[in-house]
Amino acid sequence: MINLIEVFIESVLSRNIALIFILGMCPLIAISTNVKNARGMGLAVIFVVFLTAIINYPIYLLLEATGTERLSILVFIITIATTVQFLEIFIEKVSPRMYNNFGLFLPLITVNCVVLAVSQFFVNRSYNFAETATFSLGAGIGWALAIILIAAIREKMEHHSSVPRGLAGRGIVFIVMGILSLAFIGFTGLSFF
């Protein structure tokens, strides 16, 4: 149990997939214009990352048992795209309001490298199913935390600071992300148990 808590805390803080591994930058920068969009994308990423990781885990075990684990990246990509499509269809049928709220976020997640990276990480780190589920949930929450923090800082800066014209927009986002990354690196080596 302690190992699962450590995996979760590490994946959210000291091994944050967005701020430490610098993955998922395209949607992180493009969608972090306001907190509402960031929250929507963050929730969608949490759900899709968690769902695809727990689907990909038994698929990888099957590939490993048949000696075809070299196909894992291709199979993971197909699984991710299929899962997102089924999820989109399901949400559209069950809750049209939620579907409209997600809007463009669900199709964007298909190409978000974070989703594939989480599946690759559980393979490279030899996680069992519980660790994979815990890590994928933590990684999704960590990514959501990063995008919401960046969006909140961008909103505050837009209203309360005078950013030089050359740094306005995406330029200042890179600086903010760098500072946040340094702050999250501070969580490395933290031991709770």
N, C-alpha and C. Protein backbone atom coordinates (compact mmCIF):
# COMPACT_ATOMS: atom_id res chain seq x y z
N MET A 1 0.81 -1.19 0.00
CA MET A 1 0.00 0.00 0.00
C MET A 1 0.86 1.26 0.00
N ILE A 2 1.92 1.26 0.80
CA ILE A 2 2.81 2.41 0.86
C ILE A 2 3.43 2.65 -0.51
N ASN A 3 3.80 1.57 -1.21
CA ASN A 3 4.38 1.71 -2.54
C ASN A 3 3.41 2.41 -3.49
N LEU A 4 2.13 2.10 -3.41
CA LEU A 4 1.13 2.73 -4.28
C LEU A 4 1.00 4.22 -3.97
N ILE A 5 1.05 4.56 -2.70
CA ILE A 5 0.97 5.98 -2.31
C ILE A 5 2.20 6.72 -2.83
N GLU A 6 3.37 6.10 -2.72
CA GLU A 6 4.59 6.73 -3.24
C GLU A 6 4.52 6.91 -4.75
N VAL A 7 4.04 5.89 -5.46
CA VAL A 7 3.90 5.99 -6.92
C VAL A 7 2.96 7.13 -7.27
N PHE A 8 1.86 7.26 -6.54
CA PHE A 8 0.89 8.31 -6.82
C PHE A 8 1.49 9.69 -6.57
N ILE A 9 2.09 9.88 -5.41
CA ILE A 9 2.67 11.19 -5.07
C ILE A 9 3.79 11.56 -6.03
N GLU A 10 4.63 10.59 -6.37
CA GLU A 10 5.71 10.85 -7.34
C GLU A 10 5.15 11.26 -8.70
N SER A 11 4.11 10.56 -9.16
CA SER A 11 3.58 10.87 -10.49
C SER A 11 2.90 12.22 -10.54
N VAL A 12 2.38 12.70 -9.42
CA VAL A 12 1.75 14.02 -9.40
C VAL A 12 2.80 15.12 -9.22
N LEU A 13 3.78 14.91 -8.34
CA LEU A 13 4.70 15.98 -7.97
C LEU A 13 6.10 15.82 -8.54
N SER A 14 6.89 14.91 -7.96
CA SER A 14 8.31 14.86 -8.30
C SER A 14 8.60 14.25 -9.66
N ARG A 15 7.65 13.52 -10.23
CA ARG A 15 7.80 12.98 -11.59
C ARG A 15 6.63 13.44 -12.44
N ASN A 16 6.26 14.69 -12.28
CA ASN A 16 5.14 15.26 -13.02
C ASN A 16 5.41 15.15 -14.52
N ILE A 17 4.48 14.55 -15.22
CA ILE A 17 4.70 14.23 -16.63
C ILE A 17 4.82 15.48 -17.50
N ALA A 18 4.20 16.58 -17.09
CA ALA A 18 4.26 17.81 -17.87
C ALA A 18 5.45 18.67 -17.49
N LEU A 19 5.72 18.80 -16.20
CA LEU A 19 6.73 19.76 -15.75
C LEU A 19 8.11 19.15 -15.51
N ILE A 20 8.20 17.85 -15.34
CA ILE A 20 9.50 17.21 -15.16
C ILE A 20 9.93 16.50 -16.44
N PHE A 21 9.02 15.73 -17.02
CA PHE A 21 9.34 15.01 -18.26
C PHE A 21 9.06 15.84 -19.51
N ILE A 22 8.45 16.99 -19.34
CA ILE A 22 8.15 17.93 -20.43
C ILE A 22 7.40 17.24 -21.57
N LEU A 23 6.32 16.57 -21.23
CA LEU A 23 5.49 15.90 -22.23
C LEU A 23 4.11 16.55 -22.28
N GLY A 24 3.51 16.53 -23.45
CA GLY A 24 2.17 17.10 -23.63
C GLY A 24 2.18 18.60 -23.74
N MET A 25 3.26 19.15 -24.29
CA MET A 25 3.41 20.61 -24.34
C MET A 25 2.44 21.30 -25.29
N CYS A 26 2.14 20.69 -26.43
CA CYS A 26 1.27 21.37 -27.41
C CYS A 26 -0.08 21.74 -26.81
N PRO A 27 -0.84 20.79 -26.26
CA PRO A 27 -2.11 21.19 -25.66
C PRO A 27 -1.91 22.01 -24.39
N LEU A 28 -0.81 21.76 -23.68
CA LEU A 28 -0.55 22.50 -22.44
C LEU A 28 -0.42 24.00 -22.74
N ILE A 29 0.26 24.33 -23.80
CA ILE A 29 0.45 25.73 -24.16
C ILE A 29 -0.78 26.31 -24.86
N ALA A 30 -1.36 25.55 -25.77
CA ALA A 30 -2.46 26.06 -26.57
C ALA A 30 -3.76 26.22 -25.78
N ILE A 31 -4.02 25.34 -24.83
CA ILE A 31 -5.32 25.33 -24.16
C ILE A 31 -5.27 26.03 -22.80
N SER A 32 -4.09 26.40 -22.35
CA SER A 32 -3.99 27.02 -21.02
C SER A 32 -4.26 28.52 -21.06
N THR A 33 -5.13 28.95 -21.96
CA THR A 33 -5.44 30.38 -22.06
C THR A 33 -6.37 30.84 -20.94
N ASN A 34 -7.21 29.95 -20.43
CA ASN A 34 -8.04 30.28 -19.27
C ASN A 34 -8.29 29.03 -18.44
N VAL A 35 -8.66 29.23 -17.20
CA VAL A 35 -8.80 28.13 -16.25
C VAL A 35 -9.94 27.19 -16.65
N LYS A 36 -11.01 27.73 -17.21
CA LYS A 36 -12.14 26.89 -17.60
C LYS A 36 -11.72 25.86 -18.65
N ASN A 37 -11.03 26.31 -19.70
CA ASN A 37 -10.53 25.39 -20.73
C ASN A 37 -9.53 24.40 -20.15
N ALA A 38 -8.65 24.90 -19.29
CA ALA A 38 -7.62 24.05 -18.70
C ALA A 38 -8.25 22.97 -17.83
N ARG A 39 -9.27 23.33 -17.08
CA ARG A 39 -9.95 22.35 -16.23
C ARG A 39 -10.63 21.28 -17.08
N GLY A 40 -11.29 21.69 -18.16
CA GLY A 40 -11.95 20.73 -19.05
C GLY A 40 -10.96 19.77 -19.68
N MET A 41 -9.86 20.31 -20.19
CA MET A 41 -8.84 19.46 -20.80
C MET A 41 -8.18 18.57 -19.76
N GLY A 42 -7.95 19.11 -18.56
CA GLY A 42 -7.34 18.33 -17.50
C GLY A 42 -8.19 17.15 -17.09
N LEU A 43 -9.49 17.37 -16.94
CA LEU A 43 -10.39 16.27 -16.58
C LEU A 43 -10.42 15.21 -17.68
N ALA A 44 -10.46 15.66 -18.92
CA ALA A 44 -10.48 14.71 -20.03
C ALA A 44 -9.19 13.90 -20.08
N VAL A 45 -8.06 14.54 -19.84
CA VAL A 45 -6.77 13.84 -19.85
C VAL A 45 -6.70 12.83 -18.71
N ILE A 46 -7.14 13.21 -17.53
CA ILE A 46 -7.14 12.28 -16.39
C ILE A 46 -7.90 11.02 -16.76
N PHE A 47 -9.10 11.20 -17.27
CA PHE A 47 -9.96 10.06 -17.58
C PHE A 47 -9.37 9.19 -18.68
N VAL A 48 -8.92 9.81 -19.77
CA VAL A 48 -8.40 9.04 -20.90
C VAL A 48 -7.08 8.35 -20.56
N VAL A 49 -6.19 9.03 -19.86
CA VAL A 49 -4.90 8.42 -19.48
C VAL A 49 -5.15 7.20 -18.59
N PHE A 50 -6.01 7.36 -17.60
CA PHE A 50 -6.31 6.26 -16.69
C PHE A 50 -6.95 5.09 -17.45
N LEU A 51 -7.96 5.39 -18.25
CA LEU A 51 -8.68 4.34 -18.97
C LEU A 51 -7.76 3.59 -19.95
N THR A 52 -6.99 4.33 -20.74
CA THR A 52 -6.14 3.65 -21.73
C THR A 52 -5.01 2.86 -21.07
N ALA A 53 -4.50 3.33 -19.94
CA ALA A 53 -3.43 2.58 -19.27
C ALA A 53 -3.96 1.25 -18.74
N ILE A 54 -5.15 1.26 -18.14
CA ILE A 54 -5.66 0.00 -17.61
C ILE A 54 -6.14 -0.93 -18.72
N ILE A 55 -6.43 -0.38 -19.89
CA ILE A 55 -6.74 -1.23 -21.05
C ILE A 55 -5.45 -1.77 -21.67
N ASN A 56 -4.43 -0.91 -21.76
CA ASN A 56 -3.17 -1.31 -22.39
C ASN A 56 -2.37 -2.32 -21.55
N TYR A 57 -2.56 -2.32 -20.24
CA TYR A 57 -1.79 -3.22 -19.39
C TYR A 57 -2.01 -4.70 -19.76
N PRO A 58 -3.26 -5.18 -19.77
CA PRO A 58 -3.44 -6.60 -20.15
C PRO A 58 -3.07 -6.87 -21.61
N ILE A 59 -3.23 -5.87 -22.46
CA ILE A 59 -2.83 -6.04 -23.86
C ILE A 59 -1.32 -6.25 -23.94
N TYR A 60 -0.57 -5.49 -23.15
CA TYR A 60 0.89 -5.67 -23.15
C TYR A 60 1.28 -7.04 -22.63
N LEU A 61 0.58 -7.51 -21.60
CA LEU A 61 0.87 -8.85 -21.08
C LEU A 61 0.63 -9.91 -22.16
N LEU A 62 -0.41 -9.74 -22.94
CA LEU A 62 -0.69 -10.65 -24.05
C LEU A 62 0.41 -10.57 -25.11
N LEU A 63 0.84 -9.37 -25.45
CA LEU A 63 1.94 -9.20 -26.41
C LEU A 63 3.22 -9.84 -25.88
N GLU A 64 3.47 -9.67 -24.60
CA GLU A 64 4.67 -10.25 -23.98
C GLU A 64 4.60 -11.78 -24.00
N ALA A 65 3.43 -12.32 -23.73
CA ALA A 65 3.27 -13.77 -23.71
C ALA A 65 3.44 -14.39 -25.10
N THR A 66 3.11 -13.63 -26.13
CA THR A 66 3.25 -14.14 -27.50
C THR A 66 4.57 -13.74 -28.15
N GLY A 67 5.41 -13.02 -27.41
CA GLY A 67 6.71 -12.63 -27.95
C GLY A 67 6.65 -11.51 -28.97
N THR A 68 5.56 -10.75 -28.96
CA THR A 68 5.40 -9.67 -29.94
C THR A 68 5.37 -8.29 -29.28
N GLU A 69 6.09 -8.17 -28.16
CA GLU A 69 6.06 -6.89 -27.45
C GLU A 69 6.66 -5.73 -28.23
N ARG A 70 7.40 -6.03 -29.29
CA ARG A 70 7.94 -4.95 -30.13
C ARG A 70 6.83 -4.17 -30.84
N LEU A 71 5.67 -4.76 -30.92
CA LEU A 71 4.53 -4.09 -31.53
C LEU A 71 3.76 -3.22 -30.55
N SER A 72 4.25 -3.12 -29.33
CA SER A 72 3.48 -2.46 -28.27
C SER A 72 3.13 -1.01 -28.60
N ILE A 73 4.05 -0.24 -29.14
CA ILE A 73 3.75 1.17 -29.44
C ILE A 73 2.62 1.27 -30.46
N LEU A 74 2.69 0.49 -31.49
CA LEU A 74 1.63 0.50 -32.51
C LEU A 74 0.29 0.10 -31.89
N VAL A 75 0.30 -0.95 -31.11
CA VAL A 75 -0.94 -1.43 -30.47
C VAL A 75 -1.46 -0.40 -29.47
N PHE A 76 -0.56 0.23 -28.72
CA PHE A 76 -0.98 1.26 -27.77
C PHE A 76 -1.65 2.42 -28.49
N ILE A 77 -1.08 2.85 -29.61
CA ILE A 77 -1.66 3.97 -30.37
C ILE A 77 -3.05 3.61 -30.88
N ILE A 78 -3.19 2.41 -31.40
CA ILE A 78 -4.50 1.96 -31.89
C ILE A 78 -5.50 1.90 -30.73
N THR A 79 -5.05 1.39 -29.59
CA THR A 79 -5.92 1.31 -28.42
C THR A 79 -6.35 2.69 -27.95
N ILE A 80 -5.41 3.62 -27.93
CA ILE A 80 -5.72 4.99 -27.49
C ILE A 80 -6.73 5.63 -28.43
N ALA A 81 -6.49 5.54 -29.72
CA ALA A 81 -7.42 6.14 -30.69
C ALA A 81 -8.80 5.50 -30.60
N THR A 82 -8.84 4.20 -30.48
CA THR A 82 -10.12 3.49 -30.38
C THR A 82 -10.85 3.86 -29.10
N THR A 83 -10.13 3.89 -28.00
CA THR A 83 -10.75 4.23 -26.72
C THR A 83 -11.33 5.63 -26.75
N VAL A 84 -10.58 6.58 -27.29
CA VAL A 84 -11.08 7.95 -27.37
C VAL A 84 -12.31 8.03 -28.27
N GLN A 85 -12.31 7.30 -29.39
CA GLN A 85 -13.47 7.31 -30.28
C GLN A 85 -14.70 6.72 -29.58
N PHE A 86 -14.54 5.56 -28.93
CA PHE A 86 -15.66 4.96 -28.21
C PHE A 86 -16.15 5.87 -27.08
N LEU A 87 -15.22 6.48 -26.38
CA LEU A 87 -15.57 7.38 -25.30
C LEU A 87 -16.36 8.58 -25.84
N GLU A 88 -15.91 9.11 -26.95
CA GLU A 88 -16.60 10.25 -27.57
C GLU A 88 -18.03 9.87 -27.98
N ILE A 89 -18.18 8.72 -28.61
CA ILE A 89 -19.51 8.23 -29.02
C ILE A 89 -20.39 7.99 -27.80
N PHE A 90 -19.82 7.35 -26.77
CA PHE A 90 -20.57 7.04 -25.56
C PHE A 90 -21.06 8.32 -24.87
N ILE A 91 -20.16 9.28 -24.70
CA ILE A 91 -20.53 10.53 -24.03
C ILE A 91 -21.57 11.29 -24.85
N GLU A 92 -21.43 11.27 -26.17
CA GLU A 92 -22.40 11.96 -27.02
C GLU A 92 -23.80 11.36 -26.86
N LYS A 93 -23.88 10.04 -26.75
CA LYS A 93 -25.19 9.37 -26.60
C LYS A 93 -25.76 9.53 -25.19
N VAL A 94 -24.92 9.36 -24.18
CA VAL A 94 -25.38 9.35 -22.80
C VAL A 94 -25.63 10.77 -22.26
N SER A 95 -24.71 11.67 -22.55
CA SER A 95 -24.82 13.03 -22.01
C SER A 95 -24.40 14.05 -23.07
N PRO A 96 -25.34 14.46 -23.92
CA PRO A 96 -24.99 15.46 -24.94
C PRO A 96 -24.44 16.76 -24.36
N ARG A 97 -24.91 17.11 -23.17
CA ARG A 97 -24.41 18.34 -22.53
C ARG A 97 -22.92 18.21 -22.21
N MET A 98 -22.53 17.06 -21.62
CA MET A 98 -21.12 16.82 -21.31
C MET A 98 -20.30 16.78 -22.60
N TYR A 99 -20.86 16.16 -23.62
CA TYR A 99 -20.18 16.08 -24.91
C TYR A 99 -19.90 17.48 -25.45
N ASN A 100 -20.88 18.36 -25.36
CA ASN A 100 -20.69 19.74 -25.81
C ASN A 100 -19.68 20.49 -24.96
N ASN A 101 -19.67 20.20 -23.66
CA ASN A 101 -18.70 20.83 -22.77
C ASN A 101 -17.27 20.40 -23.11
N PHE A 102 -17.09 19.10 -23.41
CA PHE A 102 -15.75 18.63 -23.79
C PHE A 102 -15.33 19.19 -25.14
N GLY A 103 -16.30 19.35 -26.03
CA GLY A 103 -16.02 19.94 -27.33
C GLY A 103 -14.85 19.29 -28.04
N LEU A 104 -13.85 20.09 -28.31
CA LEU A 104 -12.68 19.65 -29.07
C LEU A 104 -11.67 18.90 -28.21
N PHE A 105 -11.86 18.88 -26.87
CA PHE A 105 -10.87 18.31 -25.98
C PHE A 105 -10.65 16.81 -26.21
N LEU A 106 -11.72 16.06 -26.39
CA LEU A 106 -11.56 14.60 -26.55
C LEU A 106 -10.76 14.23 -27.80
N PRO A 107 -11.08 14.75 -28.99
CA PRO A 107 -10.24 14.39 -30.14
C PRO A 107 -8.78 14.84 -29.98
N LEU A 108 -8.56 15.95 -29.29
CA LEU A 108 -7.19 16.42 -29.08
C LEU A 108 -6.37 15.45 -28.24
N ILE A 109 -7.04 14.75 -27.33
CA ILE A 109 -6.32 13.83 -26.44
C ILE A 109 -5.72 12.66 -27.22
N THR A 110 -6.34 12.30 -28.32
CA THR A 110 -5.82 11.18 -29.12
C THR A 110 -4.37 11.44 -29.52
N VAL A 111 -4.03 12.68 -29.82
CA VAL A 111 -2.68 12.99 -30.27
C VAL A 111 -1.79 13.53 -29.15
N ASN A 112 -2.29 13.54 -27.92
CA ASN A 112 -1.48 14.00 -26.81
C ASN A 112 -0.48 12.90 -26.43
N CYS A 113 0.80 13.23 -26.49
CA CYS A 113 1.83 12.23 -26.24
C CYS A 113 1.84 11.74 -24.80
N VAL A 114 1.19 12.44 -23.90
CA VAL A 114 1.13 12.00 -22.50
C VAL A 114 0.44 10.64 -22.40
N VAL A 115 -0.61 10.45 -23.18
CA VAL A 115 -1.37 9.21 -23.11
C VAL A 115 -0.49 8.01 -23.50
N LEU A 116 0.26 8.15 -24.56
CA LEU A 116 1.17 7.09 -24.98
C LEU A 116 2.34 6.94 -24.01
N ALA A 117 2.84 8.06 -23.51
CA ALA A 117 3.98 8.01 -22.60
C ALA A 117 3.66 7.23 -21.33
N VAL A 118 2.45 7.40 -20.80
CA VAL A 118 2.08 6.68 -19.58
C VAL A 118 2.12 5.18 -19.83
N SER A 119 1.63 4.75 -20.98
CA SER A 119 1.68 3.32 -21.31
C SER A 119 3.12 2.85 -21.47
N GLN A 120 3.96 3.67 -22.05
CA GLN A 120 5.37 3.29 -22.17
C GLN A 120 6.07 3.26 -20.82
N PHE A 121 5.71 4.18 -19.94
CA PHE A 121 6.33 4.21 -18.62
C PHE A 121 6.01 2.95 -17.82
N PHE A 122 4.76 2.48 -17.86
CA PHE A 122 4.46 1.28 -17.07
C PHE A 122 5.20 0.07 -17.61
N VAL A 123 5.49 0.06 -18.91
CA VAL A 123 6.27 -1.04 -19.48
C VAL A 123 7.72 -0.91 -19.03
N ASN A 124 8.31 0.27 -19.19
CA ASN A 124 9.72 0.48 -18.86
C ASN A 124 10.01 0.32 -17.37
N ARG A 125 9.04 0.65 -16.54
CA ARG A 125 9.25 0.56 -15.09
C ARG A 125 8.77 -0.77 -14.50
N SER A 126 8.28 -1.65 -15.33
CA SER A 126 7.80 -2.98 -14.90
C SER A 126 6.76 -2.89 -13.79
N TYR A 127 5.81 -1.99 -13.94
CA TYR A 127 4.73 -1.86 -12.95
C TYR A 127 3.76 -3.03 -13.06
N ASN A 128 3.20 -3.42 -11.92
CA ASN A 128 2.10 -4.37 -11.94
C ASN A 128 0.80 -3.60 -12.21
N PHE A 129 -0.33 -4.29 -12.22
CA PHE A 129 -1.58 -3.63 -12.59
C PHE A 129 -1.95 -2.51 -11.62
N ALA A 130 -1.83 -2.76 -10.32
CA ALA A 130 -2.18 -1.74 -9.32
C ALA A 130 -1.28 -0.51 -9.46
N GLU A 131 0.01 -0.74 -9.65
CA GLU A 131 0.94 0.37 -9.83
C GLU A 131 0.65 1.13 -11.12
N THR A 132 0.29 0.40 -12.17
CA THR A 132 -0.06 1.05 -13.44
C THR A 132 -1.29 1.93 -13.27
N ALA A 133 -2.32 1.41 -12.62
CA ALA A 133 -3.54 2.20 -12.40
C ALA A 133 -3.24 3.43 -11.55
N THR A 134 -2.46 3.25 -10.49
CA THR A 134 -2.11 4.36 -9.60
C THR A 134 -1.26 5.39 -10.33
N PHE A 135 -0.26 4.92 -11.06
CA PHE A 135 0.61 5.83 -11.80
C PHE A 135 -0.17 6.61 -12.86
N SER A 136 -1.04 5.92 -13.60
CA SER A 136 -1.78 6.61 -14.66
C SER A 136 -2.73 7.65 -14.09
N LEU A 137 -3.37 7.35 -12.98
CA LEU A 137 -4.24 8.33 -12.34
C LEU A 137 -3.42 9.53 -11.85
N GLY A 138 -2.30 9.26 -11.21
CA GLY A 138 -1.43 10.34 -10.73
C GLY A 138 -0.85 11.17 -11.86
N ALA A 139 -0.45 10.52 -12.95
CA ALA A 139 0.10 11.25 -14.09
C ALA A 139 -0.95 12.16 -14.71
N GLY A 140 -2.18 11.66 -14.83
CA GLY A 140 -3.26 12.49 -15.35
C GLY A 140 -3.55 13.67 -14.45
N ILE A 141 -3.59 13.43 -13.13
CA ILE A 141 -3.82 14.51 -12.18
C ILE A 141 -2.66 15.51 -12.21
N GLY A 142 -1.44 15.00 -12.32
CA GLY A 142 -0.27 15.88 -12.40
C GLY A 142 -0.31 16.77 -13.63
N TRP A 143 -0.70 16.19 -14.77
CA TRP A 143 -0.81 16.98 -16.00
C TRP A 143 -1.91 18.02 -15.85
N ALA A 144 -3.05 17.61 -15.28
CA ALA A 144 -4.15 18.55 -15.06
C ALA A 144 -3.73 19.67 -14.12
N LEU A 145 -3.00 19.32 -13.07
CA LEU A 145 -2.50 20.33 -12.14
C LEU A 145 -1.61 21.34 -12.86
N ALA A 146 -0.74 20.84 -13.71
CA ALA A 146 0.17 21.73 -14.46
C ALA A 146 -0.59 22.67 -15.37
N ILE A 147 -1.55 22.15 -16.14
CA ILE A 147 -2.26 23.02 -17.08
C ILE A 147 -3.13 24.04 -16.35
N ILE A 148 -3.72 23.65 -15.22
CA ILE A 148 -4.55 24.59 -14.46
C ILE A 148 -3.68 25.66 -13.80
N LEU A 149 -2.52 25.27 -13.27
CA LEU A 149 -1.60 26.26 -12.70
C LEU A 149 -1.14 27.27 -13.76
N ILE A 150 -0.76 26.77 -14.91
CA ILE A 150 -0.30 27.65 -15.99
C ILE A 150 -1.43 28.57 -16.44
N ALA A 151 -2.64 28.04 -16.58
CA ALA A 151 -3.78 28.86 -17.00
C ALA A 151 -4.08 29.94 -15.98
N ALA A 152 -4.04 29.58 -14.69
CA ALA A 152 -4.31 30.57 -13.64
C ALA A 152 -3.26 31.68 -13.64
N ILE A 153 -2.01 31.30 -13.80
CA ILE A 153 -0.94 32.30 -13.85
C ILE A 153 -1.09 33.18 -15.08
N ARG A 154 -1.44 32.57 -16.23
CA ARG A 154 -1.65 33.37 -17.45
C ARG A 154 -2.79 34.37 -17.28
N GLU A 155 -3.88 33.94 -16.65
CA GLU A 155 -5.00 34.84 -16.43
C GLU A 155 -4.60 36.01 -15.53
N LYS A 156 -3.90 35.70 -14.45
CA LYS A 156 -3.44 36.76 -13.54
C LYS A 156 -2.49 37.73 -14.24
N MET A 157 -1.57 37.18 -15.02
CA MET A 157 -0.60 38.03 -15.72
C MET A 157 -1.28 38.91 -16.76
N GLU A 158 -2.31 38.38 -17.38
CA GLU A 158 -3.03 39.15 -18.40
C GLU A 158 -3.68 40.39 -17.79
N HIS A 159 -4.16 40.27 -16.56
CA HIS A 159 -4.89 41.37 -15.93
C HIS A 159 -4.03 42.25 -15.02
N HIS A 160 -2.94 41.70 -14.49
CA HIS A 160 -2.21 42.42 -13.45
C HIS A 160 -0.73 42.65 -13.74
N SER A 161 -0.27 42.39 -14.95
CA SER A 161 1.15 42.61 -15.21
C SER A 161 1.34 43.18 -16.61
N SER A 162 2.50 43.73 -16.80
CA SER A 162 2.84 44.30 -18.10
C SER A 162 3.98 43.48 -18.70
N VAL A 163 3.60 42.49 -19.49
CA VAL A 163 4.59 41.61 -20.13
C VAL A 163 5.09 42.30 -21.39
N PRO A 164 6.41 42.33 -21.60
CA PRO A 164 6.93 42.93 -22.83
C PRO A 164 6.31 42.27 -24.07
N ARG A 165 6.11 43.06 -25.09
CA ARG A 165 5.43 42.59 -26.30
C ARG A 165 6.09 41.35 -26.89
N GLY A 166 7.40 41.28 -26.87
CA GLY A 166 8.11 40.14 -27.42
C GLY A 166 7.89 38.84 -26.65
N LEU A 167 7.49 38.95 -25.40
CA LEU A 167 7.25 37.76 -24.58
C LEU A 167 5.77 37.46 -24.41
N ALA A 168 4.92 38.33 -24.87
CA ALA A 168 3.48 38.13 -24.69
C ALA A 168 3.02 36.83 -25.35
N GLY A 169 2.00 36.24 -24.77
CA GLY A 169 1.45 35.01 -25.34
C GLY A 169 2.26 33.79 -24.95
N ARG A 170 2.69 33.05 -25.96
CA ARG A 170 3.37 31.78 -25.70
C ARG A 170 4.78 31.94 -25.13
N GLY A 171 5.41 33.06 -25.43
CA GLY A 171 6.77 33.29 -24.91
C GLY A 171 6.81 33.27 -23.40
N ILE A 172 5.88 33.98 -22.79
CA ILE A 172 5.86 34.04 -21.33
C ILE A 172 5.44 32.69 -20.73
N VAL A 173 4.66 31.92 -21.49
CA VAL A 173 4.25 30.60 -21.01
C VAL A 173 5.46 29.70 -20.83
N PHE A 174 6.41 29.76 -21.74
CA PHE A 174 7.62 28.95 -21.60
C PHE A 174 8.41 29.35 -20.35
N ILE A 175 8.46 30.63 -20.07
CA ILE A 175 9.16 31.09 -18.87
C ILE A 175 8.44 30.61 -17.62
N VAL A 176 7.11 30.74 -17.61
CA VAL A 176 6.31 30.28 -16.47
C VAL A 176 6.49 28.78 -16.28
N MET A 177 6.47 28.02 -17.37
CA MET A 177 6.65 26.58 -17.27
C MET A 177 8.03 26.23 -16.72
N GLY A 178 9.03 26.98 -17.12
CA GLY A 178 10.38 26.75 -16.60
C GLY A 178 10.45 26.97 -15.10
N ILE A 179 9.82 28.04 -14.65
CA ILE A 179 9.81 28.34 -13.21
C ILE A 179 9.03 27.27 -12.44
N LEU A 180 7.87 26.87 -12.99
CA LEU A 180 7.09 25.80 -12.35
C LEU A 180 7.87 24.49 -12.33
N SER A 181 8.59 24.20 -13.40
CA SER A 181 9.40 22.98 -13.44
C SER A 181 10.45 22.99 -12.35
N LEU A 182 11.09 24.13 -12.16
CA LEU A 182 12.08 24.23 -11.08
C LEU A 182 11.43 24.01 -9.72
N ALA A 183 10.23 24.54 -9.54
CA ALA A 183 9.52 24.35 -8.28
C ALA A 183 9.17 22.88 -8.07
N PHE A 184 8.74 22.20 -9.13
CA PHE A 184 8.38 20.78 -9.00
C PHE A 184 9.61 19.90 -8.83
N ILE A 185 10.74 20.32 -9.35
CA ILE A 185 11.98 19.57 -9.13
C ILE A 185 12.31 19.57 -7.63
N GLY A 186 11.86 20.61 -6.93
CA GLY A 186 12.06 20.69 -5.48
C GLY A 186 11.39 19.55 -4.73
N PHE A 187 10.38 18.91 -5.34
CA PHE A 187 9.72 17.78 -4.70
C PHE A 187 10.53 16.49 -4.83
N THR A 188 11.53 16.48 -5.72
CA THR A 188 12.35 15.28 -5.91
C THR A 188 13.12 14.99 -4.63
N GLY A 189 13.14 13.74 -4.27
CA GLY A 189 13.84 13.33 -3.06
C GLY A 189 13.02 13.43 -1.81
N LEU A 190 11.82 13.98 -1.92
CA LEU A 190 10.93 14.07 -0.78
C LEU A 190 10.48 12.68 -0.38
N SER A 191 10.60 12.35 0.87
CA SER A 191 10.21 11.03 1.33
C SER A 191 9.10 11.17 2.37
N PHE A 192 7.99 10.50 2.12
CA PHE A 192 6.86 10.58 3.03
C PHE A 192 6.79 9.39 4.00
N PHE A 193 7.51 8.32 3.67
CA PHE A 193 7.44 7.12 4.49
C PHE A 193 8.82 6.61 4.82
